[in-house]
C-alpha cells in the first residue's frame, strides 16, 4: 500500500464551516488529554472576535508524530488504517479555553484497528 496523504487546507475554520469534515469522517478518537486554559481578562476583547469552537486540520507529518508518536504516525501514514485526519480543536466557554486533538477515521473498523495496534493511546486518552 502507498502512503495515505494527510488532507487539509491547514486553515483555521469555524465549526459551522467545518461540518462537512465531521460528517465525512464520523469516527473520532481523542488523542491525549484535553488541555484547559484560563483566558486572561485583557484578552477578552480579542476573544469576542473569535468563534466559540475552532477546528484546524493539521497536515504535517511532524504534527502527527507529535500527537500520536513516531510509531503510530508511521502506521497511519502507511495507509493500513484507512482514511484519517488529525484535527486540532479549541472551544471556549466563558473565560476557559479547551484545546484537544482528534484523529478522525472514515470507518469504525479503521479506528478500532488503530486502537488495537496502539493501546497506549487509548489508555492515554481515557486518563
Protein backbone atom coordinates (compact mmCIF):
# COMPACT_ATOMS: atom_id res chain seq x y z
CA UNK A 1 0.00 0.00 0.00
CA UNK A 2 1.11 3.54 -0.68
CA UNK A 3 1.31 6.26 1.89
CA UNK A 4 -2.03 7.82 2.78
CA UNK A 5 -1.74 11.59 2.45
CA UNK A 6 -2.90 13.88 5.22
CA UNK A 7 -5.59 16.02 3.68
CA UNK A 8 -6.36 19.56 4.69
CA UNK A 9 -6.16 23.19 3.90
CA UNK A 10 -4.44 23.78 7.23
CA UNK A 11 -6.60 26.86 7.74
CA UNK A 12 -8.45 27.76 10.88
CA UNK A 13 -12.18 27.43 10.29
CA UNK A 14 -15.22 27.96 12.48
CA UNK A 15 -17.13 24.81 13.43
CA UNK A 16 -20.10 25.69 11.19
CA UNK A 17 -17.89 25.80 8.08
CA UNK A 18 -16.21 22.57 9.16
CA UNK A 19 -19.36 20.42 9.41
CA UNK A 20 -18.60 18.59 6.16
CA UNK A 21 -15.31 17.38 7.64
CA UNK A 22 -17.01 15.88 10.69
CA UNK A 23 -19.77 14.32 8.57
CA UNK A 24 -17.23 12.90 6.14
CA UNK A 25 -15.08 11.27 8.83
CA UNK A 26 -17.51 10.41 11.60
CA UNK A 27 -15.38 8.16 13.81
CA UNK A 28 -13.25 10.25 16.15
CA UNK A 29 -10.68 9.40 18.79
CA UNK A 30 -9.30 11.96 21.20
CA UNK A 31 -5.50 11.99 21.17
CA UNK A 32 -4.01 12.75 24.56
CA UNK A 33 -5.77 14.56 27.33
CA UNK A 34 -7.52 17.85 26.52
CA UNK A 35 -5.78 20.92 27.95
CA UNK A 36 -7.77 23.65 29.67
CA UNK A 37 -6.51 27.22 29.98
CA UNK A 38 -7.92 30.35 31.59
CA UNK A 39 -8.26 33.30 29.24
CA UNK A 40 -6.82 36.48 30.79
CA UNK A 41 -9.23 39.39 31.25
CA UNK A 42 -7.15 41.64 28.97
CA UNK A 43 -7.59 39.11 26.11
CA UNK A 44 -11.39 39.04 26.24
CA UNK A 45 -11.65 41.80 23.62
CA UNK A 46 -9.83 39.59 21.14
CA UNK A 47 -11.90 36.59 22.21
CA UNK A 48 -15.14 38.32 21.23
CA UNK A 49 -13.97 38.26 17.61
CA UNK A 50 -13.21 34.53 17.69
CA UNK A 51 -15.67 31.68 17.26
CA UNK A 52 -16.59 29.63 20.31
CA UNK A 53 -15.38 26.48 18.54
CA UNK A 54 -12.49 26.47 16.09
CA UNK A 55 -11.07 23.48 14.26
CA UNK A 56 -7.88 23.16 12.27
CA UNK A 57 -6.92 20.14 10.21
CA UNK A 58 -3.20 19.53 10.68
CA UNK A 59 -1.44 18.25 7.59
CA UNK A 60 2.20 17.83 8.51
CA UNK A 61 3.76 14.52 9.45
CA UNK A 62 5.59 16.36 12.21
CA UNK A 63 2.27 17.38 13.82
CA UNK A 64 1.00 13.81 13.52
CA UNK A 65 4.20 12.48 15.12
CA UNK A 66 3.86 14.98 17.94
CA UNK A 67 0.24 13.97 18.57
CA UNK A 68 0.49 10.17 18.44
CA UNK A 69 4.20 9.33 18.45
CA UNK A 70 6.52 8.22 15.67
CA UNK A 71 5.46 4.56 15.57
CA UNK A 72 1.71 5.28 15.35
CA UNK A 73 2.27 8.16 12.90
CA UNK A 74 4.23 5.86 10.57
CA UNK A 75 1.45 3.26 10.81
CA UNK A 76 -1.18 5.84 9.93
CA UNK A 77 0.86 7.29 7.09
CA UNK A 78 1.42 3.83 5.60
CA UNK A 79 -2.31 3.62 4.89
CA UNK A 80 -3.01 0.50 6.92
CA UNK A 81 -5.65 2.37 8.96
CA UNK A 82 -7.59 3.81 6.04
CA UNK A 83 -8.59 7.41 5.57
CA UNK A 84 -7.93 9.64 8.55
CA UNK A 85 -7.38 13.26 9.52
CA UNK A 86 -5.74 14.90 12.52
CA UNK A 87 -7.90 17.75 13.81
CA UNK A 88 -6.98 20.25 16.50
CA UNK A 89 -9.89 21.96 18.20
CA UNK A 90 -10.28 24.89 20.53
CA UNK A 91 -13.52 25.53 22.36
CA UNK A 92 -14.33 28.40 24.67
CA UNK A 93 -16.83 28.63 27.48
CA UNK A 94 -16.73 31.93 29.32
CA UNK A 95 -13.09 32.55 30.24
CA UNK A 96 -12.00 28.93 29.79
CA UNK A 97 -10.49 27.58 26.57
CA UNK A 98 -10.08 23.85 25.99
CA UNK A 99 -7.62 22.53 23.43
CA UNK A 100 -7.78 18.98 22.14
CA UNK A 101 -6.56 16.89 19.23
CA UNK A 102 -8.63 14.28 17.43
CA UNK A 103 -7.99 11.55 14.93
CA UNK A 104 -10.94 11.19 12.61
CA UNK A 105 -11.45 7.99 10.64
CA UNK A 106 -13.80 7.25 7.75
CA UNK A 107 -14.59 3.73 9.02
CA UNK A 108 -15.20 2.47 12.55
CA UNK A 109 -13.18 -0.64 11.77
CA UNK A 110 -10.13 1.50 10.99
CA UNK A 111 -10.49 3.40 14.28
CA UNK A 112 -10.86 0.14 16.22
CA UNK A 113 -7.85 -1.39 14.45
CA UNK A 114 -5.80 1.69 15.31
CA UNK A 115 -6.73 1.35 18.99
CA UNK A 116 -5.88 -2.36 18.95
CA UNK A 117 -2.48 -1.67 17.39
CA UNK A 118 -1.68 1.23 19.73
CA UNK A 119 -3.50 0.54 23.05
CA UNK A 120 -1.27 3.01 24.90
CA UNK A 121 -3.02 5.83 23.03
CA UNK A 122 -6.44 4.58 24.13
CA UNK A 123 -5.30 4.48 27.77
CA UNK A 124 -3.78 7.97 27.47
CA UNK A 125 -7.00 9.38 26.00
CA UNK A 126 -9.11 7.92 28.80
CA UNK A 127 -6.90 9.02 31.69
